[in-house]
Amino acid sequence: MESEATDGPVVTLLTRDGCAMCVRARAELEHLCVELGAVLEVVDVDVAEDRELRAEYGDTLPVVLLQGAEHSYGEVDGARLRADVARLRVG
């Protein structure tokens, strides 16, 4: 698992090696997380310690989690992520 060190909300990208959609999602999330002051964690479901991740999400990658809850899959929903992070900061 890779992560950037900050105190912001945690955005996790579930990915796998060789997934072109995952590469695009990661690039988009890297920019969004800098903009939002969020922590980006990248987890390869094929090598993660939690084998249930591959069973649960392996067919729907890439998957974006916000604070551990499923946020989006297939593509990054940037507008929704911005709004949800803003809500976390207010709440």
Protein backbone atom coordinates (compact mmCIF):
# COMPACT_ATOMS: atom_id res chain seq x y z
CA MET A 1 0.00 0.00 0.00
CA GLU A 2 1.29 3.45 -0.93
CA SER A 3 0.18 6.66 0.72
CA GLU A 4 0.99 10.33 0.96
CA ALA A 5 1.33 11.69 4.51
CA THR A 6 -1.21 14.37 5.44
CA ASP A 7 -4.00 14.74 7.95
CA GLY A 8 -6.82 14.99 5.40
CA PRO A 9 -9.56 12.54 4.51
CA VAL A 10 -8.37 9.19 3.18
CA VAL A 11 -9.10 8.31 -0.43
CA THR A 12 -8.19 4.73 -1.33
CA LEU A 13 -7.82 3.51 -4.89
CA LEU A 14 -8.24 -0.24 -5.32
CA THR A 15 -6.29 -1.25 -8.40
CA ARG A 16 -4.29 -4.00 -10.07
CA ASP A 17 -1.19 -4.13 -12.19
CA GLY A 18 -1.91 -3.87 -15.90
CA CYS A 19 -5.28 -2.12 -15.54
CA ALA A 20 -5.34 0.87 -17.91
CA MET A 21 -8.47 2.33 -16.29
CA CYS A 22 -6.71 2.10 -12.92
CA VAL A 23 -3.75 4.09 -14.24
CA ARG A 24 -6.08 6.86 -15.44
CA ALA A 25 -7.98 6.84 -12.13
CA ARG A 26 -4.74 7.09 -10.17
CA ALA A 27 -3.52 10.08 -12.19
CA GLU A 28 -6.84 11.86 -11.68
CA LEU A 29 -6.92 11.05 -7.96
CA GLU A 30 -3.34 12.23 -7.44
CA HIS A 31 -4.36 15.68 -8.68
CA LEU A 32 -7.69 15.71 -6.82
CA CYS A 33 -6.13 14.65 -3.53
CA VAL A 34 -3.55 17.43 -3.72
CA GLU A 35 -6.34 19.91 -4.48
CA LEU A 36 -8.49 18.59 -1.62
CA GLY A 37 -5.73 18.03 0.91
CA ALA A 38 -6.67 14.37 1.07
CA VAL A 39 -4.47 11.33 1.64
CA LEU A 40 -4.28 8.98 -1.35
CA GLU A 41 -3.68 5.32 -0.63
CA VAL A 42 -3.24 2.90 -3.52
CA VAL A 43 -3.96 -0.77 -2.90
CA ASP A 44 -3.30 -3.51 -5.45
CA VAL A 45 -6.03 -6.05 -4.70
CA ASP A 46 -3.90 -8.89 -6.08
CA VAL A 47 -1.12 -8.36 -3.53
CA ALA A 48 -3.03 -6.81 -0.62
CA GLU A 49 -2.93 -8.55 2.73
CA ASP A 50 -6.74 -8.42 2.80
CA ARG A 51 -7.64 -11.13 0.26
CA GLU A 52 -11.33 -10.26 0.57
CA LEU A 53 -10.66 -7.06 -1.41
CA ARG A 54 -9.93 -9.07 -4.55
CA ALA A 55 -13.01 -11.22 -4.06
CA GLU A 56 -15.28 -8.24 -3.45
CA TYR A 57 -13.90 -5.68 -5.92
CA GLY A 58 -11.70 -7.59 -8.38
CA ASP A 59 -14.25 -7.46 -11.20
CA THR A 60 -15.14 -3.77 -10.79
CA LEU A 61 -11.73 -2.09 -10.68
CA PRO A 62 -10.80 0.65 -10.32
CA VAL A 63 -12.71 1.31 -7.11
CA VAL A 64 -12.47 4.50 -5.06
CA LEU A 65 -13.11 4.40 -1.32
CA LEU A 66 -13.56 7.51 0.81
CA GLN A 67 -12.79 6.97 4.49
CA GLY A 68 -13.08 3.21 3.81
CA ALA A 69 -16.56 3.35 2.23
CA GLU A 70 -17.18 2.66 -1.46
CA HIS A 71 -17.42 5.94 -3.33
CA SER A 72 -17.21 5.11 -7.03
CA TYR A 73 -16.00 2.46 -9.41
CA GLY A 74 -14.95 2.30 -13.04
CA GLU A 75 -14.27 6.03 -13.24
CA VAL A 76 -13.46 8.74 -10.72
CA ASP A 77 -16.45 10.98 -10.00
CA GLY A 78 -14.45 14.14 -9.30
CA ALA A 79 -17.41 16.45 -8.66
CA ARG A 80 -18.95 14.01 -6.19
CA LEU A 81 -15.61 13.43 -4.48
CA ARG A 82 -15.09 17.17 -4.04
CA ALA A 83 -18.58 17.55 -2.56
CA ASP A 84 -18.20 14.57 -0.23
CA VAL A 85 -14.79 15.70 1.04
CA ALA A 86 -16.24 19.16 1.67
CA ARG A 87 -19.06 17.55 3.69
CA LEU A 88 -16.53 15.59 5.75
CA ARG A 89 -14.67 18.78 6.60
CA VAL A 90 -17.89 20.52 7.71
CA GLY A 91 -19.37 17.56 9.56
